[in-house]
Amino acid sequence: MHKSDAEYLVLKKLENNPYLTQRQISKELGVSLGKTNYVIKALTDKGWLKLQNFKRSDSKLGYSYLLTTQGITEKTALAQKFLKRKSDEYNKLKEEIEKLKNEL
């Protein structure tokens, strides 16, 4: 997975549900927990995400991840790049499928 794709997908997930755990994010995106941790740390270091503690139960603290104003702006830019890359991939696959159909 491309680094900017991972950043975009993590920001998108957290914008929709800031209470997701890193384990849940990694499972939903199909990437390792270590990669998820790395991406979240990078996004936090860039100032695109803020971490907030909250109490999940009597004995556990959890975190919520909030997108900063800069994070929302960057997510939009990443979404445009993501869409362009995926559209290019789609067009290449479409061409390849047509070539294969013509060969058969």
Protein backbone atom coordinates (compact mmCIF):
# COMPACT_ATOMS: atom_id res chain seq x y z
CA MET A 1 0.00 0.00 0.00
CA HIS A 2 1.29 3.43 -0.94
CA LYS A 3 2.20 5.61 2.07
CA SER A 4 -0.17 8.43 1.14
CA ASP A 5 -2.97 5.86 0.57
CA ALA A 6 -2.43 4.52 4.08
CA GLU A 7 -2.47 8.05 5.50
CA TYR A 8 -5.66 8.89 3.64
CA LEU A 9 -7.44 5.68 4.65
CA VAL A 10 -6.47 6.06 8.32
CA LEU A 11 -7.63 9.70 8.36
CA LYS A 12 -10.89 8.68 6.68
CA LYS A 13 -11.51 5.89 9.20
CA LEU A 14 -10.77 8.14 12.16
CA GLU A 15 -12.86 11.00 10.84
CA ASN A 16 -15.83 8.63 10.70
CA ASN A 17 -15.08 7.00 14.07
CA PRO A 18 -12.47 8.69 16.30
CA TYR A 19 -12.80 5.92 18.90
CA LEU A 20 -11.43 3.11 16.73
CA THR A 21 -8.46 1.30 18.21
CA GLN A 22 -5.29 0.79 16.22
CA ARG A 23 -6.08 -2.93 16.18
CA GLN A 24 -9.52 -2.26 14.67
CA ILE A 25 -8.04 0.08 12.05
CA SER A 26 -5.36 -2.41 11.08
CA LYS A 27 -7.96 -5.17 10.71
CA GLU A 28 -10.33 -3.02 8.65
CA LEU A 29 -7.54 -1.83 6.34
CA GLY A 30 -5.83 -5.21 6.11
CA VAL A 31 -2.45 -3.90 7.26
CA SER A 32 -0.27 -4.86 10.19
CA LEU A 33 -0.73 -3.31 13.61
CA GLY A 34 2.85 -2.01 13.39
CA LYS A 35 2.12 -0.23 10.10
CA THR A 36 -1.03 1.27 11.60
CA ASN A 37 0.91 2.48 14.63
CA TYR A 38 3.60 3.96 12.36
CA VAL A 39 1.03 5.83 10.21
CA ILE A 40 -0.87 7.20 13.23
CA LYS A 41 2.37 8.36 14.84
CA ALA A 42 3.41 10.06 11.58
CA LEU A 43 0.02 11.77 11.27
CA THR A 44 0.25 12.94 14.88
CA ASP A 45 3.82 14.20 14.36
CA LYS A 46 2.68 16.14 11.27
CA GLY A 47 -0.06 17.77 13.34
CA TRP A 48 -2.89 16.20 11.33
CA LEU A 49 -4.21 14.13 14.27
CA LYS A 50 -4.62 14.85 17.96
CA LEU A 51 -4.86 12.17 20.61
CA GLN A 52 -7.29 12.50 23.50
CA ASN A 53 -7.55 10.19 26.50
CA PHE A 54 -10.93 9.03 27.67
CA LYS A 55 -12.14 6.39 30.09
CA ARG A 56 -13.49 3.28 28.38
CA SER A 57 -14.38 1.51 31.60
CA ASP A 58 -13.44 1.67 35.27
CA SER A 59 -10.03 0.14 34.66
CA LYS A 60 -9.01 1.16 31.13
CA LEU A 61 -8.09 4.38 29.43
CA GLY A 62 -8.67 4.65 25.73
CA TYR A 63 -7.88 7.19 23.08
CA SER A 64 -9.86 9.10 20.57
CA TYR A 65 -8.20 10.49 17.47
CA LEU A 66 -9.35 13.90 16.29
CA LEU A 67 -8.45 15.35 12.92
CA THR A 68 -7.02 18.83 13.19
CA THR A 69 -7.97 21.59 10.76
CA GLN A 70 -4.74 20.88 8.91
CA GLY A 71 -5.57 17.16 8.95
CA ILE A 72 -8.94 17.79 7.32
CA THR A 73 -7.28 19.91 4.62
CA GLU A 74 -4.58 17.31 4.01
CA LYS A 75 -7.15 14.49 3.93
CA THR A 76 -8.90 16.28 1.06
CA ALA A 77 -5.62 16.59 -0.87
CA LEU A 78 -4.81 12.93 -0.19
CA ALA A 79 -8.30 11.94 -1.34
CA GLN A 80 -7.72 13.66 -4.68
CA LYS A 81 -4.39 11.86 -5.15
CA PHE A 82 -5.96 8.56 -4.08
CA LEU A 83 -8.80 9.00 -6.57
CA LYS A 84 -6.37 9.81 -9.40
CA ARG A 85 -4.20 6.75 -8.64
CA LYS A 86 -7.22 4.45 -8.42
CA SER A 87 -8.70 5.90 -11.64
CA ASP A 88 -5.38 5.33 -13.42
CA GLU A 89 -5.27 1.75 -12.12
CA TYR A 90 -8.85 1.20 -13.26
CA ASN A 91 -8.13 2.53 -16.75
CA LYS A 92 -5.04 0.35 -17.11
CA LEU A 93 -6.98 -2.72 -15.99
CA LYS A 94 -9.80 -1.89 -18.38
CA GLU A 95 -7.31 -1.69 -21.26
CA GLU A 96 -5.71 -4.96 -20.22
CA ILE A 97 -9.10 -6.69 -20.03
CA GLU A 98 -9.97 -5.45 -23.52
CA LYS A 99 -6.66 -6.76 -24.89
CA LEU A 100 -7.30 -10.15 -23.29
CA LYS A 101 -10.84 -10.27 -24.68
CA ASN A 102 -9.49 -9.51 -28.16
CA GLU A 103 -6.91 -12.28 -27.83
CA LEU A 104 -9.61 -14.81 -27.00
